[in-house]
Structure formats: C-alpha cells, structure tokens
C-alpha cells in the first residue's frame, strides 16, 4: 500500500484518486507520520442503486404552498396522500 503525507494528498488529490481507481490499490494518507485516512477503490461487488428511495416517499397536499392560511389561521391539509413519488 502506498503512503503519502496529507499535505501532498491535498495538493494532488484528484490525480491520486484517479490512480487509486485505475490501479485498484489503496492509498494511506498520513499526518505527522501517523495513519489518518485509507483511500480505497470501490469494490466491484457493491451494487450502486440508482433510486434507492423510489416509491417510498408520500406527500400530502400541495408541498409548495404555506401550511397556514393567514386569512383565517387554519391548517390546510388533506386526509389522504395525493400521490406517491415514483
């Protein structure tokens, strides 16, 4: 595993991240000679979910209007959800 001081990592961050991704070898970042962070490539086994919350969000009524009607100071809400975000 390659080791690099934090100051050098800060200076060359993007190129070092690209190197880790390309070589699939982790990188150890140190501060004053002590390990600080381990930068490792993402495992091929980890599935990336495009929409992990799809179908799980429900909204009630108009989400853009205020909750209070300032003319009569009563809450405006519906008794059932209007839509499930797909």
PDB file of N, CA and C in Angstrom:
ATOM      1  N   UNK A   1       0.850  -1.172   0.000  1.00  0.00           N
ATOM      2  CA  UNK A   1       0.000   0.000   0.000  1.00  0.00           C
ATOM      3  C   UNK A   1       0.896   1.236   0.000  1.00  0.00           C
ATOM      4  N   UNK A   2       0.581   2.165  -0.882  1.00  0.00           N
ATOM      5  CA  UNK A   2       1.348   3.404  -0.992  1.00  0.00           C
ATOM      6  C   UNK A   2       0.949   4.341   0.149  1.00  0.00           C
ATOM      7  N   UNK A   3       1.924   5.046   0.715  1.00  0.00           N
ATOM      8  CA  UNK A   3       1.684   6.000   1.797  1.00  0.00           C
ATOM      9  C   UNK A   3       2.084   7.390   1.324  1.00  0.00           C
ATOM     10  N   UNK A   4       1.261   8.392   1.692  1.00  0.00           N
ATOM     11  CA  UNK A   4       1.526   9.764   1.264  1.00  0.00           C
ATOM     12  C   UNK A   4       1.136  10.719   2.395  1.00  0.00           C
ATOM     13  N   UNK A   5       1.925  11.782   2.623  1.00  0.00           N
ATOM     14  CA  UNK A   5       1.562  12.774   3.635  1.00  0.00           C
ATOM     15  C   UNK A   5       0.303  13.558   3.232  1.00  0.00           C
ATOM     16  N   UNK A   6      -0.437  14.024   4.220  1.00  0.00           N
ATOM     17  CA  UNK A   6      -1.695  14.743   3.976  1.00  0.00           C
ATOM     18  C   UNK A   6      -1.492  15.983   3.121  1.00  0.00           C
ATOM     19  N   UNK A   7      -0.389  16.681   3.301  1.00  0.00           N
ATOM     20  CA  UNK A   7      -0.150  17.899   2.505  1.00  0.00           C
ATOM     21  C   UNK A   7       0.003  17.567   1.024  1.00  0.00           C
ATOM     22  N   UNK A   8       0.681  16.457   0.710  1.00  0.00           N
ATOM     23  CA  UNK A   8       0.812  16.037  -0.689  1.00  0.00           C
ATOM     24  C   UNK A   8      -0.524  15.547  -1.234  1.00  0.00           C
ATOM     25  N   UNK A   9      -1.307  14.868  -0.391  1.00  0.00           N
ATOM     26  CA  UNK A   9      -2.622  14.408  -0.830  1.00  0.00           C
ATOM     27  C   UNK A   9      -3.504  15.601  -1.183  1.00  0.00           C
ATOM     28  N   UNK A  10      -3.460  16.629  -0.344  1.00  0.00           N
ATOM     29  CA  UNK A  10      -4.262  17.831  -0.594  1.00  0.00           C
ATOM     30  C   UNK A  10      -3.879  18.474  -1.926  1.00  0.00           C
ATOM     31  N   UNK A  11      -2.597  18.520  -2.214  1.00  0.00           N
ATOM     32  CA  UNK A  11      -2.109  19.143  -3.439  1.00  0.00           C
ATOM     33  C   UNK A  11      -2.480  18.345  -4.692  1.00  0.00           C
ATOM     34  N   UNK A  12      -2.407  17.016  -4.599  1.00  0.00           N
ATOM     35  CA  UNK A  12      -2.588  16.155  -5.770  1.00  0.00           C
ATOM     36  C   UNK A  12      -3.814  15.247  -5.647  1.00  0.00           C
ATOM     37  N   UNK A  13      -4.818  15.693  -4.943  1.00  0.00           N
ATOM     38  CA  UNK A  13      -5.978  14.860  -4.612  1.00  0.00           C
ATOM     39  C   UNK A  13      -6.614  14.182  -5.827  1.00  0.00           C
ATOM     40  N   UNK A  14      -6.985  14.928  -6.837  1.00  0.00           N
ATOM     41  CA  UNK A  14      -7.702  14.360  -7.976  1.00  0.00           C
ATOM     42  C   UNK A  14      -6.874  13.335  -8.740  1.00  0.00           C
ATOM     43  N   UNK A  15      -5.605  13.621  -8.940  1.00  0.00           N
ATOM     44  CA  UNK A  15      -4.776  12.654  -9.655  1.00  0.00           C
ATOM     45  C   UNK A  15      -4.539  11.400  -8.817  1.00  0.00           C
ATOM     46  N   UNK A  16      -4.426  11.550  -7.488  1.00  0.00           N
ATOM     47  CA  UNK A  16      -4.259  10.387  -6.614  1.00  0.00           C
ATOM     48  C   UNK A  16      -5.522   9.526  -6.589  1.00  0.00           C
ATOM     49  N   UNK A  17      -6.688  10.163  -6.563  1.00  0.00           N
ATOM     50  CA  UNK A  17      -7.943   9.399  -6.606  1.00  0.00           C
ATOM     51  C   UNK A  17      -8.069   8.636  -7.923  1.00  0.00           C
ATOM     52  N   UNK A  18      -7.676   9.269  -9.005  1.00  0.00           N
ATOM     53  CA  UNK A  18      -7.714   8.599 -10.303  1.00  0.00           C
ATOM     54  C   UNK A  18      -6.760   7.405 -10.313  1.00  0.00           C
ATOM     55  N   UNK A  19      -5.592   7.573  -9.702  1.00  0.00           N
ATOM     56  CA  UNK A  19      -4.620   6.477  -9.633  1.00  0.00           C
ATOM     57  C   UNK A  19      -5.163   5.301  -8.821  1.00  0.00           C
ATOM     58  N   UNK A  20      -5.815   5.590  -7.686  1.00  0.00           N
ATOM     59  CA  UNK A  20      -6.406   4.535  -6.855  1.00  0.00           C
ATOM     60  C   UNK A  20      -7.483   3.795  -7.635  1.00  0.00           C
ATOM     61  N   UNK A  21      -8.311   4.510  -8.349  1.00  0.00           N
ATOM     62  CA  UNK A  21      -9.376   3.883  -9.142  1.00  0.00           C
ATOM     63  C   UNK A  21      -8.793   3.026 -10.262  1.00  0.00           C
ATOM     64  N   UNK A  22      -7.763   3.526 -10.909  1.00  0.00           N
ATOM     65  CA  UNK A  22      -7.152   2.820 -12.031  1.00  0.00           C
ATOM     66  C   UNK A  22      -6.372   1.583 -11.575  1.00  0.00           C
ATOM     67  N   UNK A  23      -5.581   1.725 -10.510  1.00  0.00           N
ATOM     68  CA  UNK A  23      -4.710   0.630 -10.063  1.00  0.00           C
ATOM     69  C   UNK A  23      -5.412  -0.356  -9.136  1.00  0.00           C
ATOM     70  N   UNK A  24      -6.572   0.057  -8.574  1.00  0.00           N
ATOM     71  CA  UNK A  24      -7.315  -0.766  -7.612  1.00  0.00           C
ATOM     72  C   UNK A  24      -6.486  -1.070  -6.361  1.00  0.00           C
ATOM     73  N   UNK A  25      -5.509  -0.203  -6.043  1.00  0.00           N
ATOM     74  CA  UNK A  25      -4.666  -0.348  -4.861  1.00  0.00           C
ATOM     75  C   UNK A  25      -4.997   0.777  -3.882  1.00  0.00           C
ATOM     76  N   UNK A  26      -5.175   0.464  -2.587  1.00  0.00           N
ATOM     77  CA  UNK A  26      -5.488   1.506  -1.610  1.00  0.00           C
ATOM     78  C   UNK A  26      -4.315   2.456  -1.372  1.00  0.00           C
ATOM     79  N   UNK A  27      -4.620   3.596  -0.798  1.00  0.00           N
ATOM     80  CA  UNK A  27      -3.643   4.636  -0.517  1.00  0.00           C
ATOM     81  C   UNK A  27      -3.823   5.038   0.942  1.00  0.00           C
ATOM     82  N   UNK A  28      -2.726   5.123   1.691  1.00  0.00           N
ATOM     83  CA  UNK A  28      -2.766   5.524   3.097  1.00  0.00           C
ATOM     84  C   UNK A  28      -2.274   6.951   3.212  1.00  0.00           C
ATOM     85  N   UNK A  29      -3.119   7.843   3.763  1.00  0.00           N
ATOM     86  CA  UNK A  29      -2.762   9.243   3.956  1.00  0.00           C
ATOM     87  C   UNK A  29      -2.348   9.409   5.414  1.00  0.00           C
ATOM     88  N   UNK A  30      -1.186  10.040   5.630  1.00  0.00           N
ATOM     89  CA  UNK A  30      -0.665  10.199   6.988  1.00  0.00           C
ATOM     90  C   UNK A  30      -0.545  11.668   7.361  1.00  0.00           C
ATOM     91  N   UNK A  31      -0.556  11.923   8.660  1.00  0.00           N
ATOM     92  CA  UNK A  31      -0.297  13.258   9.203  1.00  0.00           C
ATOM     93  C   UNK A  31       0.743  13.086  10.307  1.00  0.00           C
ATOM     94  N   UNK A  32       1.853  13.750  10.161  1.00  0.00           N
ATOM     95  CA  UNK A  32       2.973  13.630  11.097  1.00  0.00           C
ATOM     96  C   UNK A  32       3.412  12.173  11.247  1.00  0.00           C
ATOM     97  N   UNK A  33       3.364  11.416  10.146  1.00  0.00           N
ATOM     98  CA  UNK A  33       3.807  10.029  10.148  1.00  0.00           C
ATOM     99  C   UNK A  33       2.814   9.028  10.688  1.00  0.00           C
ATOM    100  N   UNK A  34       1.654   9.485  11.176  1.00  0.00           N
ATOM    101  CA  UNK A  34       0.632   8.588  11.721  1.00  0.00           C
ATOM    102  C   UNK A  34      -0.499   8.431  10.712  1.00  0.00           C
ATOM    103  N   UNK A  35      -1.026   7.216  10.555  1.00  0.00           N
ATOM    104  CA  UNK A  35      -2.124   6.990   9.603  1.00  0.00           C
ATOM    105  C   UNK A  35      -3.332   7.865   9.937  1.00  0.00           C
ATOM    106  N   UNK A  36      -3.875   8.503   8.914  1.00  0.00           N
ATOM    107  CA  UNK A  36      -5.026   9.386   9.087  1.00  0.00           C
ATOM    108  C   UNK A  36      -6.244   8.825   8.363  1.00  0.00           C
ATOM    109  N   UNK A  37      -6.070   8.481   7.080  1.00  0.00           N
ATOM    110  CA  UNK A  37      -7.179   8.006   6.248  1.00  0.00           C
ATOM    111  C   UNK A  37      -6.653   6.964   5.272  1.00  0.00           C
ATOM    112  N   UNK A  38      -7.493   5.974   5.018  1.00  0.00           N
ATOM    113  CA  UNK A  38      -7.181   4.989   3.977  1.00  0.00           C
ATOM    114  C   UNK A  38      -8.158   5.237   2.828  1.00  0.00           C
ATOM    115  N   UNK A  39      -7.623   5.512   1.650  1.00  0.00           N
ATOM    116  CA  UNK A  39      -8.441   5.722   0.456  1.00  0.00           C
ATOM    117  C   UNK A  39      -8.393   4.416  -0.329  1.00  0.00           C
ATOM    118  N   UNK A  40      -9.552   3.799  -0.506  1.00  0.00           N
ATOM    119  CA  UNK A  40      -9.608   2.500  -1.180  1.00  0.00           C
ATOM    120  C   UNK A  40     -10.572   2.570  -2.355  1.00  0.00           C
ATOM    121  N   UNK A  41     -10.320   1.783  -3.394  1.00  0.00           N
ATOM    122  CA  UNK A  41     -11.237   1.763  -4.540  1.00  0.00           C
ATOM    123  C   UNK A  41     -12.555   1.084  -4.153  1.00  0.00           C
ATOM    124  N   UNK A  42     -13.604   1.435  -4.859  1.00  0.00           N
ATOM    125  CA  UNK A  42     -14.911   0.821  -4.626  1.00  0.00           C
ATOM    126  C   UNK A  42     -14.869  -0.607  -5.147  1.00  0.00           C
ATOM    127  N   UNK A  43     -15.380  -1.506  -4.335  1.00  0.00           N
ATOM    128  CA  UNK A  43     -15.403  -2.914  -4.728  1.00  0.00           C
ATOM    129  C   UNK A  43     -16.385  -3.121  -5.872  1.00  0.00           C
ATOM    130  N   UNK A  44     -16.052  -4.011  -6.779  1.00  0.00           N
ATOM    131  CA  UNK A  44     -16.945  -4.329  -7.899  1.00  0.00           C
ATOM    132  C   UNK A  44     -18.211  -5.019  -7.400  1.00  0.00           C
ATOM    133  N   UNK A  45     -18.164  -5.597  -6.197  1.00  0.00           N
ATOM    134  CA  UNK A  45     -19.299  -6.334  -5.654  1.00  0.00           C
ATOM    135  C   UNK A  45     -20.399  -5.409  -5.130  1.00  0.00           C
ATOM    136  N   UNK A  46     -20.050  -4.151  -4.830  1.00  0.00           N
ATOM    137  CA  UNK A  46     -21.032  -3.217  -4.286  1.00  0.00           C
ATOM    138  C   UNK A  46     -21.967  -2.763  -5.406  1.00  0.00           C
ATOM    139  N   UNK A  47     -23.243  -3.005  -5.215  1.00  0.00           N
ATOM    140  CA  UNK A  47     -24.228  -2.580  -6.215  1.00  0.00           C
ATOM    141  C   UNK A  47     -24.595  -1.118  -5.951  1.00  0.00           C
ATOM    142  N   UNK A  48     -24.558  -0.314  -6.984  1.00  0.00           N
ATOM    143  CA  UNK A  48     -24.929   1.087  -6.868  1.00  0.00           C
ATOM    144  C   UNK A  48     -26.392   1.210  -7.251  1.00  0.00           C
ATOM    145  N   UNK A  49     -27.206   1.654  -6.299  1.00  0.00           N
ATOM    146  CA  UNK A  49     -28.633   1.812  -6.548  1.00  0.00           C
ATOM    147  C   UNK A  49     -28.892   3.189  -7.143  1.00  0.00           C
ATOM    148  N   UNK A  50     -29.569   3.216  -8.273  1.00  0.00           N
ATOM    149  CA  UNK A  50     -29.858   4.484  -8.916  1.00  0.00           C
ATOM    150  C   UNK A  50     -30.947   5.259  -8.170  1.00  0.00           C
ATOM    151  N   UNK A  51     -31.955   4.533  -7.687  1.00  0.00           N
ATOM    152  CA  UNK A  51     -33.065   5.196  -6.993  1.00  0.00           C
ATOM    153  C   UNK A  51     -33.469   4.357  -5.785  1.00  0.00           C
ATOM    154  N   UNK A  52     -32.677   4.376  -4.700  1.00  0.00           N
ATOM    155  CA  UNK A  52     -32.973   3.513  -3.559  1.00  0.00           C
ATOM    156  C   UNK A  52     -34.258   3.893  -2.815  1.00  0.00           C
ATOM    157  N   UNK A  53     -34.735   5.130  -2.927  1.00  0.00           N
ATOM    158  CA  UNK A  53     -35.943   5.555  -2.219  1.00  0.00           C
ATOM    159  C   UNK A  53     -37.179   5.591  -3.120  1.00  0.00           C
ATOM    160  N   UNK A  54     -37.045   5.095  -4.347  1.00  0.00           N
ATOM    161  CA  UNK A  54     -38.163   5.130  -5.290  1.00  0.00           C
ATOM    162  C   UNK A  54     -39.380   4.420  -4.701  1.00  0.00           C
ATOM    163  N   UNK A  55     -40.517   5.115  -4.715  1.00  0.00           N
ATOM    164  CA  UNK A  55     -41.765   4.551  -4.218  1.00  0.00           C
ATOM    165  C   UNK A  55     -41.943   4.644  -2.717  1.00  0.00           C
ATOM    166  N   UNK A  56     -40.972   5.215  -2.003  1.00  0.00           N
ATOM    167  CA  UNK A  56     -41.061   5.249  -0.546  1.00  0.00           C
ATOM    168  C   UNK A  56     -41.464   6.622   0.002  1.00  0.00           C
ATOM    169  N   UNK A  57     -41.574   7.619  -0.864  1.00  0.00           N
ATOM    170  CA  UNK A  57     -41.908   8.966  -0.410  1.00  0.00           C
ATOM    171  C   UNK A  57     -43.353   9.280  -0.762  1.00  0.00           C
ATOM    172  N   UNK A  58     -44.112   9.714   0.248  1.00  0.00           N
ATOM    173  CA  UNK A  58     -45.507  10.094   0.052  1.00  0.00           C
ATOM    174  C   UNK A  58     -45.645  11.544   0.488  1.00  0.00           C
ATOM    175  N   UNK A  59     -46.329  12.343  -0.319  1.00  0.00           N
ATOM    176  CA  UNK A  59     -46.557  13.716   0.115  1.00  0.00           C
ATOM    177  C   UNK A  59     -48.052  13.965   0.251  1.00  0.00           C
ATOM    178  N   UNK A  60     -48.384  14.867   1.152  1.00  0.00           N
ATOM    179  CA  UNK A  60     -49.773  15.195   1.455  1.00  0.00           C
ATOM    180  C   UNK A  60     -50.050  16.611   0.990  1.00  0.00           C
ATOM    181  N   UNK A  61     -50.934  16.745   0.039  1.00  0.00           N
ATOM    182  CA  UNK A  61     -51.344  18.067  -0.411  1.00  0.00           C
ATOM    183  C   UNK A  61     -50.293  18.777  -1.232  1.00  0.00           C
ATOM    184  N   UNK A  62     -50.418  20.072  -1.294  1.00  0.00           N
ATOM    185  CA  UNK A  62     -49.528  20.923  -2.072  1.00  0.00           C
ATOM    186  C   UNK A  62     -48.277  21.201  -1.253  1.00  0.00           C
ATOM    187  N   UNK A  63     -47.135  20.720  -1.703  1.00  0.00           N
ATOM    188  CA  UNK A  63     -45.894  20.858  -0.938  1.00  0.00           C
ATOM    189  C   UNK A  63     -45.261  22.234  -1.085  1.00  0.00           C
ATOM    190  N   UNK A  64     -45.754  23.063  -1.999  1.00  0.00           N
ATOM    191  CA  UNK A  64     -45.172  24.380  -2.212  1.00  0.00           C
ATOM    192  C   UNK A  64     -45.912  25.501  -1.495  1.00  0.00           C
ATOM    193  N   UNK A  65     -47.168  25.302  -1.179  1.00  0.00           N
ATOM    194  CA  UNK A  65     -47.919  26.368  -0.521  1.00  0.00           C
ATOM    195  C   UNK A  65     -47.648  26.346   0.986  1.00  0.00           C
ATOM    196  N   UNK A  66     -47.874  27.470   1.668  1.00  0.00           N
ATOM    197  CA  UNK A  66     -47.659  27.512   3.121  1.00  0.00           C
ATOM    198  C   UNK A  66     -48.609  26.570   3.848  1.00  0.00           C
ATOM    199  N   UNK A  67     -48.201  26.111   5.024  1.00  0.00           N
ATOM    200  CA  UNK A  67     -49.062  25.239   5.821  1.00  0.00           C
ATOM    201  C   UNK A  67     -50.240  25.995   6.411  1.00  0.00           C
ATOM    202  N   UNK A  68     -50.050  27.266   6.677  1.00  0.00           N
ATOM    203  CA  UNK A  68     -51.103  28.063   7.310  1.00  0.00           C
ATOM    204  C   UNK A  68     -51.736  28.999   6.288  1.00  0.00           C
ATOM    205  N   UNK A  69     -53.045  29.117   6.348  1.00  0.00           N
ATOM    206  CA  UNK A  69     -53.752  30.130   5.594  1.00  0.00           C
ATOM    207  C   UNK A  69     -53.822  31.340   6.511  1.00  0.00           C
ATOM    208  N   UNK A  70     -53.108  32.400   6.194  1.00  0.00           N
ATOM    209  CA  UNK A  70     -53.004  33.523   7.098  1.00  0.00           C
ATOM    210  C   UNK A  70     -54.274  34.367   7.162  1.00  0.00           C
ATOM    211  N   UNK A  71     -55.240  34.084   6.283  1.00  0.00           N
ATOM    212  CA  UNK A  71     -56.501  34.821   6.348  1.00  0.00           C
ATOM    213  C   UNK A  71     -57.335  34.338   7.530  1.00  0.00           C
ATOM    214  N   UNK A  72     -57.415  33.012   7.707  1.00  0.00           N
ATOM    215  CA  UNK A  72     -58.252  32.509   8.798  1.00  0.00           C
ATOM    216  C   UNK A  72     -57.460  31.660   9.799  1.00  0.00           C
ATOM    217  N   UNK A  73     -56.142  31.577   9.648  1.00  0.00           N
ATOM    218  CA  UNK A  73     -55.244  30.894  10.568  1.00  0.00           C
ATOM    219  C   UNK A  73     -55.605  29.426  10.815  1.00  0.00           C
ATOM    220  N   UNK A  74     -56.125  28.725   9.816  1.00  0.00           N
ATOM    221  CA  UNK A  74     -56.427  27.300   9.941  1.00  0.00           C
ATOM    222  C   UNK A  74     -55.475  26.517   9.066  1.00  0.00           C
ATOM    223  N   UNK A  75     -55.075  25.342   9.539  1.00  0.00           N
ATOM    224  CA  UNK A  75     -54.209  24.475   8.742  1.00  0.00           C
ATOM    225  C   UNK A  75     -55.005  23.900   7.581  1.00  0.00           C
ATOM    226  N   UNK A  76     -54.371  23.858   6.437  1.00  0.00           N
ATOM    227  CA  UNK A  76     -54.982  23.242   5.271  1.00  0.00           C
ATOM    228  C   UNK A  76     -54.253  21.943   5.012  1.00  0.00           C
ATOM    229  N   UNK A  77     -54.945  20.825   5.120  1.00  0.00           N
ATOM    230  CA  UNK A  77     -54.322  19.547   4.819  1.00  0.00           C
ATOM    231  C   UNK A  77     -55.378  18.570   4.342  1.00  0.00           C
ATOM    232  N   UNK A  78     -54.909  17.548   3.707  1.00  0.00           N
ATOM    233  CA  UNK A  78     -55.786  16.518   3.171  1.00  0.00           C
ATOM    234  C   UNK A  78     -55.783  15.327   4.119  1.00  0.00           C
ATOM    235  N   UNK A  79     -56.808  14.494   4.031  1.00  0.00           N
ATOM    236  CA  UNK A  79     -56.886  13.295   4.868  1.00  0.00           C
ATOM    237  C   UNK A  79     -56.229  12.099   4.227  1.00  0.00           C
ATOM    238  N   UNK A  80     -55.823  12.208   2.975  1.00  0.00           N
ATOM    239  CA  UNK A  80     -55.163  11.082   2.302  1.00  0.00           C
ATOM    240  C   UNK A  80     -54.054  11.620   1.404  1.00  0.00           C
ATOM    241  N   UNK A  81     -53.060  10.785   1.119  1.00  0.00           N
ATOM    242  CA  UNK A  81     -51.982  11.244   0.243  1.00  0.00           C
ATOM    243  C   UNK A  81     -52.475  11.478  -1.170  1.00  0.00           C
ATOM    244  N   UNK A  82     -51.961  12.515  -1.810  1.00  0.00           N
ATOM    245  CA  UNK A  82     -52.341  12.810  -3.178  1.00  0.00           C
ATOM    246  C   UNK A  82     -51.571  11.977  -4.188  1.00  0.00           C
ATOM    247  N   UNK A  83     -50.334  11.643  -3.850  1.00  0.00           N
ATOM    248  CA  UNK A  83     -49.514  10.950  -4.823  1.00  0.00           C
ATOM    249  C   UNK A  83     -48.352  10.270  -4.126  1.00  0.00           C
ATOM    250  N   UNK A  84     -47.890   9.205  -4.706  1.00  0.00           N
ATOM    251  CA  UNK A  84     -46.657   8.564  -4.272  1.00  0.00           C
ATOM    252  C   UNK A  84     -45.633   8.841  -5.352  1.00  0.00           C
ATOM    253  N   UNK A  85     -44.497   9.391  -4.967  1.00  0.00           N
ATOM    254  CA  UNK A  85     -43.467   9.725  -5.935  1.00  0.00           C
ATOM    255  C   UNK A  85     -42.892   8.442  -6.510  1.00  0.00           C
ATOM    256  N   UNK A  86     -42.896   8.329  -7.813  1.00  0.00           N
ATOM    257  CA  UNK A  86     -42.439   7.108  -8.500  1.00  0.00           C
ATOM    258  C   UNK A  86     -41.097   7.326  -9.114  1.00  0.00           C
TER     259      UNK A  86
END
